[in-house]
Amino acid sequence: MATPVGFHALPLPIVQLSLAAVLKCGQSFRWSIFPLLYASHGDIAVSPTSPTHEYRFCLRDRLVCLRQSPDTLFYHTVFPEVPTSPTQKALKEAETLTWLRDYFQLDIDLMKLYEDWSNRDPVFNKLRSRFSGIRMLRQDPWENLVSFICSSNNNISRITKMVTSLCKHYSPPLLSLLPPCQLDKLGENQEPESYHPFPPPSVLAAPEVASVLRSLGFGYRAEFIQRTAAMLVTAHDLDTAADAREPSEKWLMTLRDLDTSEAREELLKFIGVGRKVADCILLMSLDKREVIPVDTHVQQIAVKHYGLRASSGTKANMTPKLYDEVNTKLAKVWGDYAGWAHSVLFTADLKSFSSYGLPSPSSPAISADAESLGKEAIAVPPTPPLTPSPSPIKRRRAREVTSQPEQAVAIRDEETLQPDDSSFSGSASSLADRVKKRRRVTVDVATKL
């Protein structure tokens, strides 16, 4: 397909990188996602190879915009001030490409890793086709540290809101830009979006930050973030040389050069960082590709599929011994890139990915699902409404009968960073089957009334 206006094309098969999966599976929480077309805009023919979404990420000096077709990654850079010469613009775009290659670790052949994991693991082999293109990001360690302090007893949606709120409150907007689709789903002109970089440690180290973050809904994590920032600034911001990164941020990046155990020991010194949070940071920003962040759900997967001995109690306490046992067991299965393999199974187990990669009964045009999800939409094969809407009387009766189950579903839909085992059963029904089943139950109950 033709390159979108203003974008550059990087040949890259989607099996090497799926933005729809990687940017919504709980690794990074600052990507803004926009549909390129709403279903309400009319019956516009859309090629199945055309990008359906635009993904935006704000760095300290630029906004990076991405689109994706099955065989190409398109990228575009927006600056607060337009480069003054073609040469300067070319240099800036080259910097963006370098950042993309580093951030997505494009020097690593993901297809080769998938082949290796499939040969090692029959469980992975069953998932590989449906969940292709899931690779580990190489994030900024400081942003990654704060984001996963926020992840404690939390879910992806709420972490995203917290990180967004933190950036808006403590980082001035770099620029404003209209969404890629000029009209919203109602046909109204859209307003520009403001983009805020992630604030540096020195900004979050001030004593009053904790109380402000509490007022923004961070709870006990507010003090953890402020005290961690203060620890970093006190210990490492002695160098006053001008640089885009603060000395404490550069020190965090040096942890990439330490072995895994040494880097983990340094991370565990920070307030609010336990073993699992430390391992998330090691895996997602410090190049420790063998590390597997473990919780009770990962432990249950190891028991169910990989022969780990089950504990005698109804729910195992995640002791250091059990943590190491699970990590060792799974690392033996997947090898040097065990943390990467784990991320594929983790994503497959998220409820928001329950229909990801499944055949869609619809045409390739953008469906109404993209409308309802808006900027938070996950770019999965679209599924249109499968049944006509019931009459107002039937809807009222159904609500009266099913109010409690609906409440339970609403709670379960909160996507946590602790997945269930639904995707590993090997017999998951399609989205259409589940909707039909729910409708039959609702109609049967309403009829009895």
Protein backbone atom coordinates (compact mmCIF):
# COMPACT_ATOMS: atom_id res chain seq x y z
CA MET A 1 0.00 0.00 0.00
CA ALA A 2 1.03 3.63 -0.40
CA THR A 3 2.85 5.31 2.47
CA PRO A 4 0.54 7.70 4.39
CA VAL A 5 1.27 11.37 3.77
CA GLY A 6 4.03 12.65 6.06
CA PHE A 7 5.08 9.16 7.17
CA HIS A 8 8.18 7.10 6.48
CA ALA A 9 7.98 3.38 5.72
CA LEU A 10 10.00 0.71 7.50
CA PRO A 11 9.52 -2.77 6.00
CA LEU A 12 8.55 -4.97 8.95
CA PRO A 13 6.21 -7.99 8.91
CA ILE A 14 3.53 -7.88 11.58
CA VAL A 15 4.74 -11.28 12.82
CA GLN A 16 7.87 -9.44 13.98
CA LEU A 17 5.93 -6.70 15.76
CA SER A 18 2.21 -6.36 16.43
CA LEU A 19 1.53 -2.88 17.77
CA ALA A 20 -2.05 -3.89 18.61
CA ALA A 21 -0.74 -6.46 21.09
CA VAL A 22 2.55 -5.05 22.35
CA LEU A 23 1.24 -1.58 23.20
CA LYS A 24 -1.83 -2.79 25.10
CA CYS A 25 -0.58 -5.78 27.08
CA GLY A 26 0.67 -4.03 30.21
CA GLN A 27 4.26 -3.19 29.30
CA SER A 28 3.96 0.54 28.65
CA PHE A 29 1.09 2.78 29.78
CA ARG A 30 1.62 6.01 27.80
CA TRP A 31 0.72 5.16 24.23
CA SER A 32 -2.31 7.02 22.89
CA ILE A 33 -4.31 4.96 20.40
CA PHE A 34 -6.67 6.48 17.84
CA PRO A 35 -8.94 4.77 15.28
CA LEU A 36 -8.37 6.12 11.79
CA LEU A 37 -12.03 5.71 10.89
CA TYR A 38 -15.28 5.40 12.83
CA ALA A 39 -18.05 3.07 11.67
CA SER A 40 -20.57 5.93 11.96
CA HIS A 41 -18.80 7.85 9.20
CA GLY A 42 -20.55 5.77 6.58
CA ASP A 43 -19.94 2.71 4.44
CA ILE A 44 -16.39 3.48 3.43
CA ALA A 45 -14.52 0.59 1.86
CA VAL A 46 -11.36 -0.20 3.78
CA SER A 47 -8.63 -2.42 2.42
CA PRO A 48 -7.69 -5.27 4.77
CA THR A 49 -4.07 -4.17 4.40
CA SER A 50 -4.72 -0.56 5.42
CA PRO A 51 -3.75 0.67 8.90
CA THR A 52 -6.73 0.92 11.23
CA HIS A 53 -5.17 2.84 14.13
CA GLU A 54 -2.53 5.43 14.90
CA TYR A 55 -0.31 5.07 17.98
CA ARG A 56 1.34 8.12 19.57
CA PHE A 57 4.08 8.40 22.18
CA CYS A 58 5.53 11.60 23.65
CA LEU A 59 9.28 11.80 24.21
CA ARG A 60 10.92 14.82 25.79
CA ASP A 61 11.59 16.55 22.50
CA ARG A 62 9.16 15.00 20.00
CA LEU A 63 5.95 13.09 19.42
CA VAL A 64 6.29 9.78 17.60
CA CYS A 65 3.30 8.60 15.54
CA LEU A 66 3.02 5.04 14.22
CA ARG A 67 0.72 3.15 11.87
CA GLN A 68 1.01 -0.45 10.72
CA SER A 69 0.06 -2.61 7.77
CA PRO A 70 0.71 -6.37 7.56
CA ASP A 71 4.18 -5.82 6.12
CA THR A 72 5.19 -2.25 7.01
CA LEU A 73 5.65 0.00 10.03
CA PHE A 74 4.95 3.65 9.20
CA TYR A 75 6.42 6.36 11.40
CA HIS A 76 6.09 10.13 11.58
CA THR A 77 7.68 12.63 13.96
CA VAL A 78 6.11 15.86 15.19
CA PHE A 79 8.28 18.52 16.84
CA PRO A 80 7.33 21.59 18.90
CA GLU A 81 9.28 23.62 16.35
CA VAL A 82 9.57 22.51 12.75
CA PRO A 83 13.21 21.80 11.74
CA THR A 84 14.54 24.77 9.79
CA SER A 85 16.30 22.90 6.99
CA PRO A 86 15.88 19.64 5.05
CA THR A 87 19.19 18.42 6.46
CA GLN A 88 18.13 19.08 10.03
CA LYS A 89 14.78 17.39 9.38
CA ALA A 90 16.51 14.33 7.93
CA LEU A 91 18.77 14.09 10.99
CA LYS A 92 15.79 14.32 13.32
CA GLU A 93 13.92 11.60 11.43
CA ALA A 94 17.03 9.42 11.57
CA GLU A 95 17.03 9.88 15.35
CA THR A 96 13.43 8.71 15.48
CA LEU A 97 14.26 5.60 13.46
CA THR A 98 17.16 4.84 15.79
CA TRP A 99 14.84 5.21 18.78
CA LEU A 100 12.26 2.89 17.20
CA ARG A 101 14.83 0.19 16.51
CA ASP A 102 16.05 0.40 20.10
CA TYR A 103 12.63 0.71 21.79
CA PHE A 104 11.16 -2.27 19.93
CA GLN A 105 14.49 -4.18 19.91
CA LEU A 106 14.17 -4.79 16.18
CA ASP A 107 17.64 -6.30 15.96
CA ILE A 108 16.19 -9.44 17.59
CA ASP A 109 14.52 -11.91 15.20
CA LEU A 110 11.19 -12.66 16.88
CA MET A 111 10.20 -15.35 14.36
CA LYS A 112 13.33 -17.29 15.21
CA LEU A 113 12.49 -17.06 18.92
CA TYR A 114 8.90 -18.22 18.29
CA GLU A 115 10.25 -21.21 16.39
CA ASP A 116 12.61 -22.08 19.23
CA TRP A 117 9.89 -21.74 21.91
CA SER A 118 7.48 -23.83 19.82
CA ASN A 119 10.03 -26.62 19.52
CA ARG A 120 10.63 -26.51 23.27
CA ASP A 121 7.05 -26.10 24.44
CA PRO A 122 3.84 -27.65 23.01
CA VAL A 123 1.74 -25.16 25.02
CA PHE A 124 3.44 -22.23 23.32
CA ASN A 125 3.14 -23.98 19.96
CA LYS A 126 -0.66 -23.91 20.26
CA LEU A 127 -0.65 -20.14 20.83
CA ARG A 128 2.05 -19.00 18.41
CA SER A 129 -0.13 -18.35 15.35
CA ARG A 130 -2.88 -16.47 17.16
CA PHE A 131 -0.54 -14.37 19.32
CA SER A 132 2.26 -13.60 16.89
CA GLY A 133 4.31 -10.41 16.92
CA ILE A 134 4.54 -9.98 20.71
CA ARG A 135 7.98 -8.78 21.69
CA MET A 136 9.46 -7.09 24.73
CA LEU A 137 9.89 -3.31 24.73
CA ARG A 138 13.16 -1.72 25.84
CA GLN A 139 11.78 1.16 27.87
CA ASP A 140 13.34 4.07 29.69
CA PRO A 141 14.27 2.64 33.13
CA TRP A 142 13.03 5.67 35.09
CA GLU A 143 9.58 5.67 33.48
CA ASN A 144 9.44 1.89 33.80
CA LEU A 145 10.33 2.08 37.50
CA VAL A 146 7.59 4.59 38.33
CA SER A 147 5.00 2.83 36.18
CA PHE A 148 5.50 -0.48 37.95
CA ILE A 149 5.48 1.08 41.39
CA CYS A 150 1.98 2.14 40.28
CA SER A 151 1.20 -1.45 39.25
CA SER A 152 1.02 -2.79 42.81
CA ASN A 153 -2.48 -4.27 43.38
CA ASN A 154 -3.68 -2.49 40.28
CA ASN A 155 -5.01 -3.05 36.76
CA ILE A 156 -3.89 -1.90 33.32
CA SER A 157 -6.68 0.63 32.84
CA ARG A 158 -6.11 2.32 36.19
CA ILE A 159 -2.31 2.32 35.85
CA THR A 160 -2.71 4.03 32.49
CA LYS A 161 -4.92 6.72 34.04
CA MET A 162 -2.48 7.25 36.91
CA VAL A 163 0.56 7.59 34.64
CA THR A 164 -1.34 9.95 32.35
CA SER A 165 -2.42 12.06 35.32
CA LEU A 166 1.13 12.18 36.66
CA CYS A 167 2.48 13.41 33.31
CA LYS A 168 -0.22 16.04 32.88
CA HIS A 169 0.31 17.39 36.40
CA TYR A 170 4.12 17.41 36.53
CA SER A 171 5.20 17.88 32.93
CA PRO A 172 4.21 20.86 30.77
CA PRO A 173 2.73 19.98 27.38
CA LEU A 174 5.29 19.57 24.63
CA LEU A 175 2.77 20.21 21.86
CA SER A 176 -0.86 19.78 20.84
CA LEU A 177 -2.05 17.82 17.83
CA LEU A 178 -5.42 16.92 16.35
CA PRO A 179 -6.42 13.24 16.34
CA PRO A 180 -5.74 11.58 12.97
CA CYS A 181 -9.47 11.27 12.29
CA GLN A 182 -10.74 14.86 11.97
CA LEU A 183 -14.32 13.98 12.92
CA ASP A 184 -15.41 12.06 15.99
CA LYS A 185 -17.97 9.24 15.86
CA LEU A 186 -20.81 11.80 15.99
CA GLY A 187 -19.41 13.68 13.02
CA GLU A 188 -18.21 16.63 15.11
CA ASN A 189 -14.81 18.25 14.72
CA GLN A 190 -12.34 16.92 17.26
CA GLU A 191 -10.23 19.06 19.57
CA PRO A 192 -6.40 18.92 19.63
CA GLU A 193 -4.80 16.55 22.12
CA SER A 194 -2.01 17.80 24.42
CA TYR A 195 1.06 15.60 24.84
CA HIS A 196 3.20 15.60 27.97
CA PRO A 197 6.62 13.96 28.35
CA PHE A 198 7.35 11.80 31.38
CA PRO A 199 8.65 14.01 34.25
CA PRO A 200 12.25 13.50 35.45
CA PRO A 201 13.21 12.36 38.98
CA SER A 202 14.04 15.87 40.21
CA VAL A 203 10.45 17.00 39.61
CA LEU A 204 8.93 14.10 41.56
CA ALA A 205 11.43 14.29 44.42
CA ALA A 206 9.90 17.37 46.06
CA PRO A 207 8.30 16.59 49.47
CA GLU A 208 4.89 17.96 48.49
CA VAL A 209 4.62 15.52 45.57
CA ALA A 210 3.33 12.71 47.80
CA SER A 211 0.29 14.66 48.99
CA VAL A 212 -0.50 15.87 45.49
CA LEU A 213 -0.32 12.36 44.06
CA ARG A 214 -2.60 11.14 46.85
CA SER A 215 -5.13 13.77 45.83
CA LEU A 216 -4.86 12.42 42.27
CA GLY A 217 -5.80 8.93 43.44
CA PHE A 218 -2.40 7.24 43.79
CA GLY A 219 -3.06 6.07 47.35
CA TYR A 220 -0.09 4.59 49.21
CA ARG A 221 1.90 4.52 45.94
CA ALA A 222 2.20 8.33 46.11
CA GLU A 223 4.76 8.20 48.91
CA PHE A 224 6.62 5.34 47.23
CA ILE A 225 7.09 7.40 44.06
CA GLN A 226 8.17 10.56 45.87
CA ARG A 227 10.62 8.76 48.17
CA THR A 228 12.10 6.73 45.33
CA ALA A 229 12.64 9.89 43.27
CA ALA A 230 14.22 11.60 46.29
CA MET A 231 16.55 8.63 46.86
CA LEU A 232 17.71 8.77 43.25
CA VAL A 233 18.24 12.53 43.23
CA THR A 234 20.09 12.54 46.56
CA ALA A 235 22.42 9.71 45.58
CA HIS A 236 23.11 10.47 41.92
CA ASP A 237 22.24 14.05 40.95
CA LEU A 238 25.62 15.44 41.97
CA ASP A 239 26.65 15.98 38.36
CA THR A 240 25.26 19.30 37.10
CA ALA A 241 26.38 18.91 33.49
CA ALA A 242 23.67 19.90 31.04
CA ASP A 243 22.10 16.86 29.41
CA ALA A 244 18.74 15.69 28.16
CA ARG A 245 18.79 13.06 30.91
CA GLU A 246 19.36 13.77 34.57
CA PRO A 247 22.32 12.03 36.26
CA SER A 248 20.01 9.77 38.23
CA GLU A 249 18.34 8.62 35.01
CA LYS A 250 21.72 7.89 33.45
CA TRP A 251 22.70 5.92 36.56
CA LEU A 252 19.60 3.74 36.20
CA MET A 253 20.66 2.92 32.65
CA THR A 254 24.04 1.68 33.91
CA LEU A 255 22.17 -1.17 35.63
CA ARG A 256 21.98 -2.72 32.17
CA ASP A 257 25.69 -3.43 32.47
CA LEU A 258 25.38 -5.33 35.78
CA ASP A 259 24.49 -8.98 36.04
CA THR A 260 20.90 -9.79 36.91
CA SER A 261 21.33 -10.38 40.64
CA GLU A 262 23.35 -7.18 41.15
CA ALA A 263 20.86 -5.07 39.19
CA ARG A 264 17.99 -6.61 41.16
CA GLU A 265 19.67 -5.77 44.47
CA GLU A 266 19.93 -2.12 43.43
CA LEU A 267 16.26 -1.96 42.45
CA LEU A 268 15.09 -3.59 45.69
CA LYS A 269 16.56 -0.66 47.62
CA PHE A 270 13.82 1.63 46.34
CA ILE A 271 10.60 2.23 48.26
CA GLY A 272 7.70 0.24 46.82
CA VAL A 273 9.87 -2.15 44.81
CA GLY A 274 9.52 -5.83 45.69
CA ARG A 275 10.76 -8.88 43.82
CA LYS A 276 8.07 -8.93 41.14
CA VAL A 277 8.24 -5.18 40.40
CA ALA A 278 12.03 -5.40 40.27
CA ASP A 279 11.83 -8.29 37.82
CA CYS A 280 9.39 -6.38 35.60
CA ILE A 281 11.91 -3.54 35.41
CA LEU A 282 14.81 -5.93 34.77
CA LEU A 283 12.91 -7.53 31.89
CA MET A 284 11.29 -4.45 30.33
CA SER A 285 14.05 -1.85 30.53
CA LEU A 286 17.34 -3.38 31.73
CA ASP A 287 17.96 -6.11 29.12
CA LYS A 288 17.55 -9.08 31.50
CA ARG A 289 15.69 -11.21 28.97
CA GLU A 290 15.73 -14.40 31.00
CA VAL A 291 13.83 -12.90 33.96
CA ILE A 292 10.22 -13.98 34.51
CA PRO A 293 8.10 -11.81 36.84
CA VAL A 294 6.17 -14.30 38.99
CA ASP A 295 2.88 -14.01 40.84
CA THR A 296 0.36 -16.60 42.00
CA HIS A 297 -1.26 -16.73 38.56
CA VAL A 298 2.04 -17.47 36.83
CA GLN A 299 2.60 -20.10 39.50
CA GLN A 300 -0.78 -21.65 38.66
CA ILE A 301 0.15 -21.75 34.97
CA ALA A 302 3.41 -23.49 35.87
CA VAL A 303 1.46 -26.07 37.87
CA LYS A 304 -1.20 -26.62 35.23
CA HIS A 305 0.99 -26.80 32.15
CA TYR A 306 4.61 -27.30 33.12
CA GLY A 307 4.65 -29.92 35.85
CA LEU A 308 5.37 -27.73 38.84
CA ARG A 309 4.29 -29.45 42.04
CA ALA A 310 1.11 -27.91 43.43
CA SER A 311 1.10 -26.62 46.99
CA SER A 312 -1.11 -28.33 49.55
CA GLY A 313 -3.13 -25.21 50.44
CA THR A 314 -5.97 -23.74 48.42
CA LYS A 315 -3.84 -20.72 47.55
CA ALA A 316 -0.06 -20.73 47.62
CA ASN A 317 1.76 -17.92 49.38
CA MET A 318 4.39 -16.48 47.06
CA THR A 319 7.45 -17.15 49.20
CA PRO A 320 10.96 -16.39 47.90
CA LYS A 321 11.55 -20.14 47.60
CA LEU A 322 8.41 -20.68 45.52
CA TYR A 323 9.19 -17.61 43.40
CA ASP A 324 12.62 -19.00 42.53
CA GLU A 325 11.18 -22.46 41.90
CA VAL A 326 8.64 -21.14 39.38
CA ASN A 327 11.23 -18.94 37.69
CA THR A 328 13.73 -21.78 37.39
CA LYS A 329 11.11 -24.20 36.06
CA LEU A 330 9.89 -21.88 33.31
CA ALA A 331 13.38 -20.66 32.41
CA LYS A 332 14.35 -24.28 31.71
CA VAL A 333 11.40 -24.59 29.34
CA TRP A 334 11.98 -21.39 27.36
CA GLY A 335 15.71 -20.73 27.59
CA ASP A 336 17.66 -17.48 27.45
CA TYR A 337 14.65 -15.40 26.35
CA ALA A 338 12.28 -16.90 28.90
CA GLY A 339 10.96 -13.49 29.93
CA TRP A 340 9.97 -12.75 26.35
CA ALA A 341 8.16 -16.09 26.00
CA HIS A 342 6.38 -15.46 29.29
CA SER A 343 5.04 -12.15 27.92
CA VAL A 344 3.31 -14.00 25.07
CA LEU A 345 1.53 -16.38 27.44
CA PHE A 346 0.75 -13.48 29.78
CA THR A 347 -0.88 -11.53 26.95
CA ALA A 348 -2.82 -14.59 25.80
CA ASP A 349 -4.30 -14.83 29.29
CA LEU A 350 -5.57 -11.23 29.49
CA LYS A 351 -9.34 -10.90 29.26
CA SER A 352 -9.05 -7.97 26.87
CA PHE A 353 -7.32 -10.34 24.42
CA SER A 354 -9.99 -13.05 24.61
CA SER A 355 -11.03 -12.43 20.98
CA TYR A 356 -7.62 -11.32 19.71
CA GLY A 357 -6.53 -13.18 16.60
CA LEU A 358 -9.82 -15.06 16.21
CA PRO A 359 -11.55 -15.07 12.81
CA SER A 360 -14.05 -12.24 12.54
CA PRO A 361 -17.53 -12.81 11.06
CA SER A 362 -17.45 -9.25 9.75
CA SER A 363 -15.94 -7.68 6.70
CA PRO A 364 -12.56 -5.97 7.14
CA ALA A 365 -14.19 -2.54 7.50
CA ILE A 366 -13.79 -0.85 10.87
CA SER A 367 -16.65 -1.97 13.10
CA ALA A 368 -18.65 -0.29 15.82
CA ASP A 369 -16.35 -1.85 18.41
CA ALA A 370 -13.73 0.73 17.52
CA GLU A 371 -16.28 3.45 18.22
CA SER A 372 -17.09 2.23 21.70
CA LEU A 373 -13.47 1.74 22.63
CA GLY A 374 -12.33 5.07 21.18
CA LYS A 375 -8.75 6.01 21.96
CA GLU A 376 -8.45 3.06 24.34
CA ALA A 377 -9.39 0.62 21.57
CA ILE A 378 -7.37 -2.52 21.16
CA ALA A 379 -6.74 -3.11 17.48
CA VAL A 380 -7.98 -6.69 17.25
CA PRO A 381 -10.05 -8.21 14.45
CA PRO A 382 -13.32 -6.21 14.74
CA THR A 383 -16.56 -7.91 15.77
CA PRO A 384 -19.86 -6.19 14.93
CA PRO A 385 -23.06 -6.55 16.97
CA LEU A 386 -24.17 -10.15 16.49
CA THR A 387 -27.86 -9.77 17.40
CA PRO A 388 -30.48 -7.03 17.07
CA SER A 389 -31.12 -4.90 20.12
CA PRO A 390 -34.04 -6.16 22.25
CA SER A 391 -37.12 -4.04 22.83
CA PRO A 392 -37.19 -1.60 25.80
CA ILE A 393 -39.50 -3.95 27.75
CA LYS A 394 -37.23 -6.93 27.25
CA ARG A 395 -34.19 -4.83 28.11
CA ARG A 396 -35.84 -3.72 31.37
CA ARG A 397 -36.80 -7.29 32.27
CA ALA A 398 -33.35 -8.54 31.44
CA ARG A 399 -31.76 -5.86 33.60
CA GLU A 400 -34.01 -6.74 36.54
CA VAL A 401 -33.21 -10.44 36.30
CA THR A 402 -29.53 -10.18 35.49
CA SER A 403 -28.47 -7.11 37.48
CA GLN A 404 -26.19 -9.06 39.81
CA PRO A 405 -24.46 -11.10 37.05
CA GLU A 406 -23.95 -7.89 35.06
CA GLN A 407 -22.26 -6.31 38.06
CA ALA A 408 -19.95 -9.31 38.31
CA VAL A 409 -19.05 -9.02 34.65
CA ALA A 410 -18.26 -5.33 35.09
CA ILE A 411 -15.86 -6.19 37.90
CA ARG A 412 -14.21 -8.97 35.92
CA ASP A 413 -13.73 -6.67 32.96
CA GLU A 414 -11.24 -4.62 35.01
CA GLU A 415 -8.07 -5.88 33.34
CA THR A 416 -5.56 -6.74 36.02
CA LEU A 417 -1.87 -7.40 35.69
CA GLN A 418 -2.63 -10.85 37.05
CA PRO A 419 -4.20 -12.93 34.24
CA ASP A 420 -6.61 -15.84 34.43
CA ASP A 421 -6.20 -19.23 32.76
CA SER A 422 -8.97 -18.90 30.18
CA SER A 423 -6.75 -18.86 27.11
CA PHE A 424 -4.92 -22.02 28.10
CA SER A 425 -7.88 -24.36 28.24
CA GLY A 426 -7.59 -25.25 24.58
CA SER A 427 -11.39 -25.13 24.20
CA ALA A 428 -12.20 -21.42 24.38
CA SER A 429 -15.38 -20.61 22.49
CA SER A 430 -15.54 -17.80 19.97
CA LEU A 431 -16.89 -14.39 20.87
CA ALA A 432 -19.97 -15.08 18.75
CA ASP A 433 -20.71 -18.28 20.68
CA ARG A 434 -20.37 -16.54 24.02
CA VAL A 435 -22.67 -13.66 23.00
CA LYS A 436 -25.28 -16.08 21.65
CA LYS A 437 -25.12 -18.11 24.84
CA ARG A 438 -25.61 -15.01 27.02
CA ARG A 439 -28.53 -13.90 24.86
CA ARG A 440 -30.22 -17.31 25.12
CA VAL A 441 -29.93 -17.24 28.90
CA THR A 442 -31.30 -13.69 29.12
CA VAL A 443 -34.23 -14.40 26.79
CA ASP A 444 -35.11 -17.66 28.59
CA VAL A 445 -35.24 -15.93 31.95
CA ALA A 446 -37.21 -12.98 30.62
CA THR A 447 -39.71 -15.36 28.98
CA LYS A 448 -40.36 -17.09 32.29
CA LEU A 449 -41.39 -13.76 33.74
